[in-house]
Protein backbone atom coordinates (compact mmCIF):
# COMPACT_ATOMS: atom_id res chain seq x y z
CA MET A 1 -59.81 -18.48 9.59
CA THR A 2 -62.72 -18.78 7.17
CA PHE A 3 -65.13 -16.80 5.09
CA GLY A 4 -68.71 -17.93 4.67
CA SER A 5 -71.82 -17.32 2.62
CA SER A 6 -74.86 -15.90 4.38
CA LEU A 7 -77.12 -17.87 2.02
CA LEU A 8 -75.42 -21.17 2.80
CA ALA A 9 -75.14 -20.35 6.51
CA ALA A 10 -78.94 -20.03 6.65
CA ILE A 11 -79.39 -23.69 5.66
CA PRO A 12 -79.77 -26.00 8.68
CA GLY A 13 -77.65 -29.15 8.87
CA LEU A 14 -74.97 -27.75 6.58
CA ARG A 15 -71.37 -26.71 7.14
CA HIS A 16 -69.23 -24.81 4.69
CA ALA A 17 -66.03 -22.82 4.68
CA PHE A 18 -63.90 -20.74 2.35
CA PHE A 19 -60.61 -21.15 4.20
CA THR A 20 -57.96 -18.42 4.41
CA ARG A 21 -54.24 -18.87 5.14
CA GLU A 22 -54.85 -18.37 8.86
CA GLY A 23 -54.56 -21.22 11.34
CA GLY A 24 -52.06 -23.51 9.63
CA ILE A 25 -48.51 -24.71 10.31
CA SER A 26 -46.85 -24.40 6.90
CA SER A 27 -43.91 -22.01 6.63
CA GLY A 28 -41.98 -20.00 4.06
CA ILE A 29 -43.86 -19.30 0.83
CA TYR A 30 -46.60 -21.67 2.06
CA GLN A 31 -47.01 -19.79 5.36
CA GLY A 32 -50.31 -20.77 6.93
CA LEU A 33 -53.05 -23.23 6.12
CA ASN A 34 -51.81 -24.76 2.87
CA GLY A 35 -54.09 -27.61 1.81
CA GLY A 36 -52.41 -28.28 -1.52
CA LEU A 37 -51.45 -31.94 -1.82
CA GLY A 38 -49.98 -31.06 -5.20
CA SER A 39 -47.68 -28.38 -3.80
CA ASN A 40 -44.04 -28.97 -2.84
CA ASP A 41 -44.76 -28.13 0.80
CA ASP A 42 -43.82 -30.60 3.55
CA PRO A 43 -46.46 -33.36 3.24
CA ALA A 44 -46.70 -33.63 7.03
CA SER A 45 -47.59 -29.93 7.27
CA VAL A 46 -50.22 -30.25 4.54
CA ALA A 47 -51.69 -33.30 6.30
CA GLU A 48 -51.92 -31.41 9.59
CA ASN A 49 -53.47 -28.39 7.86
CA ARG A 50 -56.08 -30.61 6.22
CA ARG A 51 -56.74 -32.34 9.55
CA ARG A 52 -57.52 -28.93 11.06
CA MET A 53 -59.83 -28.10 8.18
CA ALA A 54 -61.58 -31.46 8.47
CA GLU A 55 -62.08 -30.83 12.18
CA GLN A 56 -63.72 -27.49 11.46
CA MET A 57 -65.93 -29.18 8.88
CA GLY A 58 -66.97 -31.76 11.49
CA VAL A 59 -65.52 -34.79 9.69
CA ALA A 60 -62.60 -37.19 10.09
CA PRO A 61 -59.49 -36.30 8.03
CA ASP A 62 -60.10 -39.10 5.53
CA ARG A 63 -63.61 -37.78 4.95
CA LEU A 64 -62.44 -34.37 3.69
CA LEU A 65 -62.45 -35.23 0.00
CA SER A 66 -60.94 -33.40 -2.95
CA ALA A 67 -60.14 -34.46 -6.51
CA HIS A 68 -57.05 -34.35 -8.71
CA GLN A 69 -58.03 -31.17 -10.54
CA ILE A 70 -57.34 -30.85 -14.27
CA HIS A 71 -59.25 -27.68 -15.32
CA SER A 72 -62.02 -29.79 -16.85
CA PRO A 73 -65.85 -29.84 -16.79
CA ASP A 74 -65.75 -33.30 -15.16
CA VAL A 75 -67.75 -34.13 -12.02
CA VAL A 76 -67.56 -37.06 -9.59
CA VAL A 77 -70.20 -38.29 -7.13
CA ALA A 78 -68.67 -38.85 -3.69
CA THR A 79 -70.13 -41.40 -1.29
CA GLY A 80 -67.18 -41.94 1.06
CA PRO A 81 -63.38 -41.87 1.26
CA TRP A 82 -61.69 -42.55 -2.06
CA GLN A 83 -60.58 -46.09 -2.72
CA GLY A 84 -57.16 -45.81 -4.36
CA ASP A 85 -56.11 -42.71 -6.27
CA LYS A 86 -58.16 -39.55 -6.19
CA PRO A 87 -60.42 -39.13 -9.23
CA ARG A 88 -59.38 -36.66 -11.92
CA ALA A 89 -62.17 -34.08 -11.95
CA ASP A 90 -62.96 -30.47 -11.08
CA ALA A 91 -66.22 -30.84 -9.18
CA LEU A 92 -67.68 -33.13 -6.54
CA VAL A 93 -71.33 -33.69 -5.60
CA THR A 94 -72.90 -35.78 -2.85
CA SER A 95 -76.05 -36.55 -0.92
CA THR A 96 -74.09 -38.50 1.71
CA GLU A 97 -73.98 -37.07 5.22
CA GLY A 98 -70.76 -36.91 7.19
CA ILE A 99 -68.33 -36.25 4.34
CA ALA A 100 -66.95 -32.88 3.31
CA ILE A 101 -66.39 -32.28 -0.40
CA GLY A 102 -63.93 -29.60 -1.35
CA ILE A 103 -61.89 -28.08 -4.11
CA THR A 104 -58.46 -26.46 -3.99
CA ALA A 105 -57.76 -23.04 -5.46
CA ALA A 106 -55.28 -20.18 -5.50
CA ASP A 107 -57.00 -17.61 -7.80
CA CYS A 108 -59.50 -19.86 -9.58
CA GLY A 109 -63.16 -19.62 -8.62
CA PRO A 110 -64.45 -21.93 -5.87
CA VAL A 111 -68.23 -22.40 -6.07
CA LEU A 112 -70.18 -24.24 -3.37
CA PHE A 113 -73.72 -25.48 -4.05
CA ALA A 114 -76.59 -26.71 -1.88
CA ASP A 115 -80.22 -27.73 -2.37
CA ALA A 116 -81.61 -27.50 1.15
CA SER A 117 -84.78 -29.50 0.57
CA ALA A 118 -83.15 -32.29 -1.44
CA ARG A 119 -80.08 -32.41 0.85
CA VAL A 120 -77.68 -32.44 -2.10
CA ILE A 121 -74.45 -30.43 -2.20
CA GLY A 122 -71.69 -29.69 -4.68
CA ALA A 123 -68.28 -28.03 -4.95
CA ALA A 124 -66.76 -26.83 -8.24
CA HIS A 125 -63.32 -25.56 -9.21
CA ALA A 126 -64.12 -22.89 -11.79
CA GLY A 127 -61.04 -21.34 -13.27
CA TRP A 128 -61.48 -19.65 -16.63
CA LYS A 129 -61.07 -22.92 -18.52
CA GLY A 130 -63.47 -24.93 -16.38
CA ALA A 131 -66.04 -22.15 -16.36
CA LEU A 132 -65.82 -21.74 -20.14
CA THR A 133 -66.10 -25.47 -20.85
CA GLY A 134 -69.03 -26.14 -18.52
CA VAL A 135 -67.93 -27.28 -15.06
CA LEU A 136 -70.70 -25.28 -13.38
CA GLU A 137 -73.41 -26.74 -15.61
CA SER A 138 -71.97 -30.23 -15.13
CA THR A 139 -72.14 -29.80 -11.36
CA ILE A 140 -75.77 -28.70 -11.49
CA ASP A 141 -76.66 -31.62 -13.79
CA ALA A 142 -74.96 -34.08 -11.43
CA MET A 143 -76.81 -32.62 -8.44
CA GLU A 144 -80.11 -33.03 -10.27
CA LYS A 145 -79.34 -36.71 -10.82
CA LEU A 146 -79.11 -37.01 -7.02
CA GLY A 147 -82.52 -35.38 -6.60
CA ALA A 148 -81.80 -31.66 -6.54
CA GLU A 149 -83.78 -29.08 -8.49
CA ARG A 150 -81.82 -26.24 -10.02
CA SER A 151 -84.47 -23.71 -9.05
CA GLY A 152 -83.84 -24.69 -5.42
CA ILE A 153 -80.03 -24.59 -5.54
CA VAL A 154 -78.06 -21.94 -3.66
CA ALA A 155 -74.59 -21.19 -5.07
CA ALA A 156 -71.82 -19.28 -3.31
CA ILE A 157 -68.84 -17.83 -5.20
CA GLY A 158 -65.79 -17.72 -2.95
CA PRO A 159 -62.42 -15.95 -2.96
CA LEU A 160 -60.94 -15.63 -6.45
CA ILE A 161 -58.88 -13.29 -8.56
CA ARG A 162 -61.02 -10.22 -9.33
CA GLN A 163 -61.19 -8.13 -12.45
CA HIS A 164 -58.93 -5.33 -11.23
CA SER A 165 -56.15 -7.93 -10.70
CA TYR A 166 -56.74 -10.22 -13.68
CA GLU A 167 -54.95 -8.97 -16.80
CA VAL A 168 -55.15 -11.22 -19.85
CA GLY A 169 -53.84 -11.14 -23.41
CA SER A 170 -55.71 -10.75 -26.68
CA GLU A 171 -55.71 -14.50 -27.41
CA PHE A 172 -57.54 -15.08 -24.12
CA VAL A 173 -60.18 -12.51 -25.06
CA GLU A 174 -60.59 -14.00 -28.53
CA ARG A 175 -61.17 -17.46 -27.06
CA PHE A 176 -64.12 -16.14 -25.05
CA LEU A 177 -65.51 -14.08 -27.93
CA ASP A 178 -65.29 -17.09 -30.24
CA ALA A 179 -67.39 -19.06 -27.75
CA ASP A 180 -70.00 -16.28 -27.50
CA ALA A 181 -69.70 -12.70 -28.71
CA GLU A 182 -71.70 -11.56 -25.67
CA ASN A 183 -68.79 -12.58 -23.45
CA GLY A 184 -67.24 -9.24 -24.36
CA VAL A 185 -69.05 -7.66 -21.41
CA PHE A 186 -66.64 -9.43 -19.04
CA PHE A 187 -63.59 -7.55 -20.34
CA ILE A 188 -62.50 -3.95 -19.82
CA PRO A 189 -59.38 -2.31 -21.31
CA SER A 190 -56.08 -2.69 -19.49
CA THR A 191 -53.48 0.04 -19.21
CA ARG A 192 -51.25 -2.18 -21.39
CA ALA A 193 -51.92 -2.24 -25.11
CA GLY A 194 -53.28 -5.54 -26.39
CA HIS A 195 -54.45 -6.62 -22.94
CA ALA A 196 -57.72 -6.60 -21.03
CA MET A 197 -58.99 -7.16 -17.49
CA PHE A 198 -61.23 -10.21 -17.08
CA ASP A 199 -64.22 -10.49 -14.73
CA LEU A 200 -64.10 -14.18 -13.76
CA ALA A 201 -66.64 -13.75 -10.97
CA GLY A 202 -69.10 -12.03 -13.30
CA PHE A 203 -68.63 -14.76 -15.90
CA ILE A 204 -69.29 -17.45 -13.27
CA ARG A 205 -72.44 -15.66 -12.10
CA MET A 206 -73.73 -15.40 -15.67
CA ARG A 207 -73.16 -19.11 -16.31
CA LEU A 208 -74.98 -19.99 -13.08
CA GLU A 209 -77.92 -17.72 -13.91
CA ASN A 210 -78.17 -19.06 -17.46
CA ALA A 211 -78.22 -22.58 -16.01
CA GLY A 212 -81.22 -21.70 -13.86
CA VAL A 213 -79.55 -21.04 -10.51
CA LEU A 214 -80.99 -17.80 -9.20
CA MET A 215 -79.89 -17.74 -5.53
CA ILE A 216 -76.26 -16.67 -5.83
CA ASP A 217 -73.98 -15.23 -3.16
CA ASP A 218 -70.60 -13.73 -4.10
CA ILE A 219 -68.39 -12.95 -1.11
CA GLY A 220 -66.39 -10.50 -3.21
CA VAL A 221 -62.82 -11.24 -2.06
CA ASP A 222 -59.79 -10.82 -4.36
CA THR A 223 -57.13 -13.47 -3.79
CA TYR A 224 -54.40 -11.53 -5.60
CA SER A 225 -54.52 -8.32 -3.58
CA ASP A 226 -55.56 -9.84 -0.22
CA GLU A 227 -52.54 -11.37 1.54
CA ARG A 228 -54.81 -13.57 3.63
CA PHE A 229 -55.07 -15.77 0.54
CA TYR A 230 -52.71 -17.74 -1.65
CA SER A 231 -52.44 -16.48 -5.22
CA TYR A 232 -50.85 -18.27 -8.15
CA ARG A 233 -50.50 -15.01 -10.08
CA ARG A 234 -48.95 -13.18 -7.12
CA SER A 235 -46.41 -16.01 -6.74
CA VAL A 236 -45.48 -15.70 -10.42
CA HIS A 237 -45.05 -11.92 -10.14
CA ARG A 238 -42.84 -12.42 -7.08
CA LYS A 239 -40.87 -15.14 -8.91
CA GLU A 240 -41.58 -17.66 -6.16
CA PRO A 241 -41.03 -21.32 -7.10
CA ASP A 242 -44.42 -22.57 -5.88
CA TYR A 243 -47.55 -21.49 -4.07
CA GLY A 244 -50.03 -22.73 -1.46
CA ARG A 245 -53.57 -23.81 -2.18
CA HIS A 246 -56.78 -23.21 -0.29
CA VAL A 247 -59.40 -25.81 0.40
CA HIS A 248 -63.01 -24.62 0.12
CA ALA A 249 -65.50 -27.19 1.35
CA ILE A 250 -69.10 -28.05 2.15
CA ALA A 251 -70.65 -30.90 4.15
CA LEU A 252 -74.04 -32.29 5.14
CA GLU A 253 -74.10 -32.84 8.89
CA ARG A 254 -75.42 -36.14 10.17
CA GLU A 255 -79.03 -35.80 11.29
């Protein structure tokens, strides 16, 4: 039902999971473990799916926290269940035990962070826009404010759309080249004229390395071609009206 990072799994007192579709009760186009509160799935099914994920993370359902994601570089510090509406952000960090922080994704890049000695963790939703505008760096900065050191941070890149599945147009490429001409290394030609294939995972890794995070694990799974995962792009190609979302989460166990 989950994928994990060997680097994160080696840290005592830590739980993490990159959830697949397996083990849920949603049906139809959402078949499986849909955790997307923003989807049009039956809310009761989503709630039960999230309860199952919370159980696996070792926390109560109201302590599996995620944000209202907006493809931004914004980060929120979590200390307990949200009071009122969920914050609008694309990354969460915490040093509080007994809560699981997670992000939702269906092709975008989930990145989980942990500083074992400082007992500080983070979770970032790094689609192309968030990665380009600094969500990874913002997450690392926020973790440092809680006592982490970037040289001691482990980062795990989870299931996301991989280069062989990620065709983009020329305007997309130009946006990245305008930001930094060296970003050209993350594009290879597509079979279609005027298009290219984008390496989101490689771009995320580069941003992490440039920010001083050197212990990086990439589990290497492609959400588009692997039916165990939800994929926004696959749903568009199949002309489906909506799509499920995965939760990818990390938690500090109570000592």
